[in-house]
Amino acid sequence: MSKDKKQTADQEQEEVIETSAAQTPAEEIETEETKAEETKTEETKTEASKPDPAADYAALNDKYLRLCAEYDNFRKRSQKEKDSLYADIKAETLKKFLPVYDNLVRALDQSTADEAYRRGVEMIMTQFNTTMEKLGVTEIESLGQKFDPAFHNAVMHVEDAEKGENEIVEVFQKGFIMGDKVIRFAMVKVAN
């Protein structure tokens, strides 16, 4: 029996050697395939990491266009602010001269025996009105118009059956506008 056991052991050993010899080349093939796949993956990664000139150009072009648009918006906004600032300063300056206008109107309303004095005040008033027109300032028409809170300041109210609803019957102080901006509201008396 020991011979049989020895033969069986020898046979088993030969089978193990044959199977290990048969598996080694298969393992080597699998290893080579794995290495080939890894190499392909690395090549794909390196190709993906390489900069694409077309994509870079598109990205830079997009940045350039955005920068141009931002600059154009900045330029327009700056010009608009400058124009607005100029109009505001002009309106504030003209507002300071309106008391002079009011005093000239009061001077013309007073009767005087000195005709030369009256003529001088009229000339000053004409010159003042011409200058205001050149600056784009116009008087707000009020007398006989409907009351508009965007242009008028009602300080008195009177009941009058002959006048229409919210009609301005008297102007205490003239109002002025420059373009769309109200420099001074007209101070008025409103009927009904």
C-alpha atoms as a PDB file:
ATOM      1  CA  MET A   1       0.000   0.000   0.000  1.00  0.00           C
ATOM      2  CA  SER A   2       2.698   2.297   0.581  1.00  0.00           C
ATOM      3  CA  LYS A   3       3.642   1.921  -3.065  1.00  0.00           C
ATOM      4  CA  ASP A   4       0.140   2.840  -4.065  1.00  0.00           C
ATOM      5  CA  LYS A   5       0.192   5.806  -1.798  1.00  0.00           C
ATOM      6  CA  LYS A   6       3.515   6.823  -3.214  1.00  0.00           C
ATOM      7  CA  GLN A   7       2.257   6.531  -6.766  1.00  0.00           C
ATOM      8  CA  THR A   8      -0.905   8.457  -5.927  1.00  0.00           C
ATOM      9  CA  ALA A   9       1.173  11.156  -4.289  1.00  0.00           C
ATOM     10  CA  ASP A  10       3.464  11.314  -7.338  1.00  0.00           C
ATOM     11  CA  GLN A  11       0.487  11.546  -9.642  1.00  0.00           C
ATOM     12  CA  GLU A  12      -1.053  14.315  -7.583  1.00  0.00           C
ATOM     13  CA  GLN A  13       2.247  16.196  -7.607  1.00  0.00           C
ATOM     14  CA  GLU A  14       2.465  15.911 -11.387  1.00  0.00           C
ATOM     15  CA  GLU A  15      -1.122  17.184 -11.720  1.00  0.00           C
ATOM     16  CA  VAL A  16      -0.347  20.179  -9.491  1.00  0.00           C
ATOM     17  CA  ILE A  17       2.773  20.955 -11.562  1.00  0.00           C
ATOM     18  CA  GLU A  18       0.782  20.643 -14.791  1.00  0.00           C
ATOM     19  CA  THR A  19      -2.037  22.909 -13.505  1.00  0.00           C
ATOM     20  CA  SER A  20       0.394  25.486 -12.141  1.00  0.00           C
ATOM     21  CA  ALA A  21       2.272  25.442 -15.446  1.00  0.00           C
ATOM     22  CA  ALA A  22      -1.003  25.799 -17.308  1.00  0.00           C
ATOM     23  CA  GLN A  23      -2.152  28.697 -15.078  1.00  0.00           C
ATOM     24  CA  THR A  24       1.041  30.689 -15.281  1.00  0.00           C
ATOM     25  CA  PRO A  25       0.748  31.628 -18.960  1.00  0.00           C
ATOM     26  CA  ALA A  26      -2.978  32.470 -18.467  1.00  0.00           C
ATOM     27  CA  GLU A  27      -2.123  34.677 -15.526  1.00  0.00           C
ATOM     28  CA  GLU A  28       0.577  36.314 -17.589  1.00  0.00           C
ATOM     29  CA  ILE A  29      -1.939  36.951 -20.401  1.00  0.00           C
ATOM     30  CA  GLU A  30      -4.395  38.464 -17.894  1.00  0.00           C
ATOM     31  CA  THR A  31      -1.627  40.598 -16.409  1.00  0.00           C
ATOM     32  CA  GLU A  32      -0.575  41.789 -19.859  1.00  0.00           C
ATOM     33  CA  GLU A  33      -4.213  42.617 -20.729  1.00  0.00           C
ATOM     34  CA  THR A  34      -4.599  44.534 -17.464  1.00  0.00           C
ATOM     35  CA  LYS A  35      -1.384  46.425 -18.161  1.00  0.00           C
ATOM     36  CA  ALA A  36      -2.573  47.217 -21.676  1.00  0.00           C
ATOM     37  CA  GLU A  37      -5.877  48.533 -20.301  1.00  0.00           C
ATOM     38  CA  GLU A  38      -4.043  50.630 -17.721  1.00  0.00           C
ATOM     39  CA  THR A  39      -1.797  52.020 -20.446  1.00  0.00           C
ATOM     40  CA  LYS A  40      -4.844  52.919 -22.570  1.00  0.00           C
ATOM     41  CA  THR A  41      -6.464  54.596 -19.555  1.00  0.00           C
ATOM     42  CA  GLU A  42      -3.300  56.594 -18.873  1.00  0.00           C
ATOM     43  CA  GLU A  43      -3.110  57.620 -22.547  1.00  0.00           C
ATOM     44  CA  THR A  44      -6.745  58.736 -22.414  1.00  0.00           C
ATOM     45  CA  LYS A  45      -6.039  60.712 -19.247  1.00  0.00           C
ATOM     46  CA  THR A  46      -3.011  62.416 -20.783  1.00  0.00           C
ATOM     47  CA  GLU A  47      -5.003  63.210 -23.921  1.00  0.00           C
ATOM     48  CA  ALA A  48      -7.788  64.653 -21.762  1.00  0.00           C
ATOM     49  CA  SER A  49      -5.323  66.698 -19.736  1.00  0.00           C
ATOM     50  CA  LYS A  50      -3.736  68.134 -22.881  1.00  0.00           C
ATOM     51  CA  PRO A  51      -5.171  71.605 -23.564  1.00  0.00           C
ATOM     52  CA  ASP A  52      -7.605  71.794 -26.443  1.00  0.00           C
ATOM     53  CA  PRO A  53      -6.715  74.896 -28.484  1.00  0.00           C
ATOM     54  CA  ALA A  54     -10.268  75.338 -29.771  1.00  0.00           C
ATOM     55  CA  ALA A  55     -11.735  75.192 -26.260  1.00  0.00           C
ATOM     56  CA  ASP A  56      -9.077  77.600 -24.954  1.00  0.00           C
ATOM     57  CA  TYR A  57      -9.816  80.001 -27.808  1.00  0.00           C
ATOM     58  CA  ALA A  58     -13.560  79.832 -27.138  1.00  0.00           C
ATOM     59  CA  ALA A  59     -13.047  80.463 -23.418  1.00  0.00           C
ATOM     60  CA  LEU A  60     -10.730  83.415 -24.023  1.00  0.00           C
ATOM     61  CA  ASN A  61     -13.059  84.842 -26.660  1.00  0.00           C
ATOM     62  CA  ASP A  62     -15.974  84.573 -24.236  1.00  0.00           C
ATOM     63  CA  LYS A  63     -13.966  86.352 -21.515  1.00  0.00           C
ATOM     64  CA  TYR A  64     -12.995  89.065 -24.008  1.00  0.00           C
ATOM     65  CA  LEU A  65     -16.596  89.632 -25.105  1.00  0.00           C
ATOM     66  CA  ARG A  66     -17.788  89.800 -21.509  1.00  0.00           C
ATOM     67  CA  LEU A  67     -15.052  92.290 -20.640  1.00  0.00           C
ATOM     68  CA  CYS A  68     -16.007  94.458 -23.632  1.00  0.00           C
ATOM     69  CA  ALA A  69     -19.674  94.372 -22.613  1.00  0.00           C
ATOM     70  CA  GLU A  70     -18.827  95.281 -19.014  1.00  0.00           C
ATOM     71  CA  TYR A  71     -16.689  98.196 -20.177  1.00  0.00           C
ATOM     72  CA  ASP A  72     -19.425  99.445 -22.514  1.00  0.00           C
ATOM     73  CA  ASN A  73     -21.978  99.272 -19.676  1.00  0.00           C
ATOM     74  CA  PHE A  74     -19.563 101.108 -17.367  1.00  0.00           C
ATOM     75  CA  ARG A  75     -19.012 103.830 -19.983  1.00  0.00           C
ATOM     76  CA  LYS A  76     -22.766 104.307 -20.536  1.00  0.00           C
ATOM     77  CA  ARG A  77     -23.469 104.323 -16.787  1.00  0.00           C
ATOM     78  CA  SER A  78     -20.704 106.867 -16.172  1.00  0.00           C
ATOM     79  CA  GLN A  79     -22.002 109.151 -18.931  1.00  0.00           C
ATOM     80  CA  LYS A  80     -25.551 108.884 -17.584  1.00  0.00           C
ATOM     81  CA  GLU A  81     -24.353 109.721 -14.049  1.00  0.00           C
ATOM     82  CA  LYS A  82     -22.345 112.673 -15.359  1.00  0.00           C
ATOM     83  CA  ASP A  83     -25.342 114.028 -17.290  1.00  0.00           C
ATOM     84  CA  SER A  84     -27.602 113.523 -14.284  1.00  0.00           C
ATOM     85  CA  LEU A  85     -25.116 115.252 -11.996  1.00  0.00           C
ATOM     86  CA  TYR A  86     -24.870 118.201 -14.399  1.00  0.00           C
ATOM     87  CA  ALA A  87     -28.672 118.512 -14.562  1.00  0.00           C
ATOM     88  CA  ASP A  88     -28.985 118.324 -10.766  1.00  0.00           C
ATOM     89  CA  ILE A  89     -26.324 120.993 -10.229  1.00  0.00           C
ATOM     90  CA  LYS A  90     -27.921 123.233 -12.859  1.00  0.00           C
ATOM     91  CA  ALA A  91     -31.354 122.817 -11.238  1.00  0.00           C
ATOM     92  CA  GLU A  92     -29.986 123.604  -7.776  1.00  0.00           C
ATOM     93  CA  THR A  93     -28.211 126.706  -9.073  1.00  0.00           C
ATOM     94  CA  LEU A  94     -31.339 127.954 -10.847  1.00  0.00           C
ATOM     95  CA  LYS A  95     -33.368 127.329  -7.687  1.00  0.00           C
ATOM     96  CA  LYS A  96     -31.108 129.829  -5.894  1.00  0.00           C
ATOM     97  CA  PHE A  97     -31.980 132.515  -8.485  1.00  0.00           C
ATOM     98  CA  LEU A  98     -35.762 132.067  -8.232  1.00  0.00           C
ATOM     99  CA  PRO A  99     -36.128 134.452  -5.239  1.00  0.00           C
ATOM    100  CA  VAL A 100     -34.550 137.137  -7.448  1.00  0.00           C
ATOM    101  CA  TYR A 101     -37.180 136.348 -10.097  1.00  0.00           C
ATOM    102  CA  ASP A 102     -39.948 136.628  -7.477  1.00  0.00           C
ATOM    103  CA  ASN A 103     -38.643 140.027  -6.341  1.00  0.00           C
ATOM    104  CA  LEU A 104     -38.560 141.272  -9.939  1.00  0.00           C
ATOM    105  CA  VAL A 105     -42.192 140.169 -10.381  1.00  0.00           C
ATOM    106  CA  ARG A 106     -43.136 142.030  -7.175  1.00  0.00           C
ATOM    107  CA  ALA A 107     -41.273 145.113  -8.394  1.00  0.00           C
ATOM    108  CA  LEU A 108     -43.216 145.062 -11.683  1.00  0.00           C
ATOM    109  CA  ASP A 109     -46.525 144.674  -9.817  1.00  0.00           C
ATOM    110  CA  GLN A 110     -45.917 147.886  -7.831  1.00  0.00           C
ATOM    111  CA  SER A 111     -47.020 151.127  -9.385  1.00  0.00           C
ATOM    112  CA  THR A 112     -44.395 153.818  -9.641  1.00  0.00           C
ATOM    113  CA  ALA A 113     -44.262 157.388 -10.946  1.00  0.00           C
ATOM    114  CA  ASP A 114     -40.716 156.909 -12.220  1.00  0.00           C
ATOM    115  CA  GLU A 115     -41.102 155.490 -15.736  1.00  0.00           C
ATOM    116  CA  ALA A 116     -37.316 155.010 -16.203  1.00  0.00           C
ATOM    117  CA  TYR A 117     -37.193 152.840 -13.066  1.00  0.00           C
ATOM    118  CA  ARG A 118     -40.093 150.730 -14.323  1.00  0.00           C
ATOM    119  CA  ARG A 119     -38.490 150.377 -17.768  1.00  0.00           C
ATOM    120  CA  GLY A 120     -35.195 149.239 -16.164  1.00  0.00           C
ATOM    121  CA  VAL A 121     -36.941 146.547 -14.101  1.00  0.00           C
ATOM    122  CA  GLU A 122     -38.794 145.336 -17.211  1.00  0.00           C
ATOM    123  CA  MET A 123     -35.483 145.052 -19.108  1.00  0.00           C
ATOM    124  CA  ILE A 124     -33.924 143.080 -16.265  1.00  0.00           C
ATOM    125  CA  MET A 125     -36.966 140.784 -16.168  1.00  0.00           C
ATOM    126  CA  THR A 126     -36.801 140.241 -19.948  1.00  0.00           C
ATOM    127  CA  GLN A 127     -33.116 139.407 -19.750  1.00  0.00           C
ATOM    128  CA  PHE A 128     -33.730 137.041 -16.817  1.00  0.00           C
ATOM    129  CA  ASN A 129     -36.499 135.218 -18.735  1.00  0.00           C
ATOM    130  CA  THR A 130     -34.309 134.928 -21.866  1.00  0.00           C
ATOM    131  CA  THR A 131     -31.464 133.443 -19.826  1.00  0.00           C
ATOM    132  CA  MET A 132     -33.795 130.912 -18.206  1.00  0.00           C
ATOM    133  CA  GLU A 133     -35.146 129.877 -21.616  1.00  0.00           C
ATOM    134  CA  LYS A 134     -31.602 129.345 -22.898  1.00  0.00           C
ATOM    135  CA  LEU A 135     -30.946 127.079 -19.914  1.00  0.00           C
ATOM    136  CA  GLY A 136     -34.056 125.033 -20.744  1.00  0.00           C
ATOM    137  CA  VAL A 137     -36.202 126.279 -17.869  1.00  0.00           C
ATOM    138  CA  THR A 138     -39.894 126.811 -18.605  1.00  0.00           C
ATOM    139  CA  GLU A 139     -42.720 128.143 -16.492  1.00  0.00           C
ATOM    140  CA  ILE A 140     -45.401 125.696 -15.363  1.00  0.00           C
ATOM    141  CA  GLU A 141     -48.749 126.835 -16.764  1.00  0.00           C
ATOM    142  CA  SER A 142     -51.146 126.874 -13.850  1.00  0.00           C
ATOM    143  CA  LEU A 143     -53.959 129.434 -14.014  1.00  0.00           C
ATOM    144  CA  GLY A 144     -57.159 127.832 -15.318  1.00  0.00           C
ATOM    145  CA  GLN A 145     -55.551 124.357 -15.479  1.00  0.00           C
ATOM    146  CA  LYS A 146     -56.538 121.234 -13.547  1.00  0.00           C
ATOM    147  CA  PHE A 147     -54.626 120.678 -10.333  1.00  0.00           C
ATOM    148  CA  ASP A 148     -51.758 118.207 -10.795  1.00  0.00           C
ATOM    149  CA  PRO A 149     -49.790 117.271  -7.650  1.00  0.00           C
ATOM    150  CA  ALA A 150     -46.771 116.500  -9.835  1.00  0.00           C
ATOM    151  CA  PHE A 151     -46.481 120.217 -10.724  1.00  0.00           C
ATOM    152  CA  HIS A 152     -48.615 122.165  -8.246  1.00  0.00           C
ATOM    153  CA  ASN A 153     -48.652 122.770  -4.514  1.00  0.00           C
ATOM    154  CA  ALA A 154     -52.153 123.641  -3.282  1.00  0.00           C
ATOM    155  CA  VAL A 155     -52.018 125.992  -0.312  1.00  0.00           C
ATOM    156  CA  MET A 156     -55.619 127.193  -0.381  1.00  0.00           C
ATOM    157  CA  HIS A 157     -59.009 125.790  -1.295  1.00  0.00           C
ATOM    158  CA  VAL A 158     -62.078 127.806  -2.266  1.00  0.00           C
ATOM    159  CA  GLU A 159     -65.680 126.854  -3.099  1.00  0.00           C
ATOM    160  CA  ASP A 160     -66.718 128.460  -6.397  1.00  0.00           C
ATOM    161  CA  ALA A 161     -69.744 127.279  -8.367  1.00  0.00           C
ATOM    162  CA  GLU A 162     -68.526 128.983 -11.565  1.00  0.00           C
ATOM    163  CA  LYS A 163     -65.205 127.062 -11.609  1.00  0.00           C
ATOM    164  CA  GLY A 164     -64.683 123.405 -12.455  1.00  0.00           C
ATOM    165  CA  GLU A 165     -63.594 120.628 -10.125  1.00  0.00           C
ATOM    166  CA  ASN A 166     -59.912 120.956  -9.031  1.00  0.00           C
ATOM    167  CA  GLU A 167     -59.403 124.026 -11.223  1.00  0.00           C
ATOM    168  CA  ILE A 168     -56.618 126.433 -10.292  1.00  0.00           C
ATOM    169  CA  VAL A 169     -58.076 129.897  -9.704  1.00  0.00           C
ATOM    170  CA  GLU A 170     -55.054 131.817  -8.406  1.00  0.00           C
ATOM    171  CA  VAL A 171     -51.255 131.446  -8.569  1.00  0.00           C
ATOM    172  CA  PHE A 172     -49.294 132.730  -5.582  1.00  0.00           C
ATOM    173  CA  GLN A 173     -45.856 131.679  -6.788  1.00  0.00           C
ATOM    174  CA  LYS A 174     -44.908 130.497 -10.270  1.00  0.00           C
ATOM    175  CA  GLY A 175     -43.431 127.048 -10.721  1.00  0.00           C
ATOM    176  CA  PHE A 176     -40.634 126.048 -13.088  1.00  0.00           C
ATOM    177  CA  ILE A 177     -39.485 122.847 -14.784  1.00  0.00           C
ATOM    178  CA  MET A 178     -36.298 121.959 -16.602  1.00  0.00           C
ATOM    179  CA  GLY A 179     -36.831 119.014 -18.928  1.00  0.00           C
ATOM    180  CA  ASP A 180     -38.672 116.449 -16.782  1.00  0.00           C
ATOM    181  CA  LYS A 181     -37.352 117.785 -13.485  1.00  0.00           C
ATOM    182  CA  VAL A 182     -39.476 120.162 -11.414  1.00  0.00           C
ATOM    183  CA  ILE A 183     -37.277 122.951 -10.064  1.00  0.00           C
ATOM    184  CA  ARG A 184     -40.051 124.559  -8.039  1.00  0.00           C
ATOM    185  CA  PHE A 185     -43.718 123.606  -7.657  1.00  0.00           C
ATOM    186  CA  ALA A 186     -46.311 126.264  -8.421  1.00  0.00           C
ATOM    187  CA  MET A 187     -48.045 127.510  -5.267  1.00  0.00           C
ATOM    188  CA  VAL A 188     -51.756 127.739  -6.113  1.00  0.00           C
ATOM    189  CA  LYS A 189     -55.336 128.152  -4.865  1.00  0.00           C
ATOM    190  CA  VAL A 190     -57.713 125.385  -6.024  1.00  0.00           C
ATOM    191  CA  ALA A 191     -61.477 125.639  -6.486  1.00  0.00           C
ATOM    192  CA  ASN A 192     -64.071 123.098  -5.258  1.00  0.00           C
END
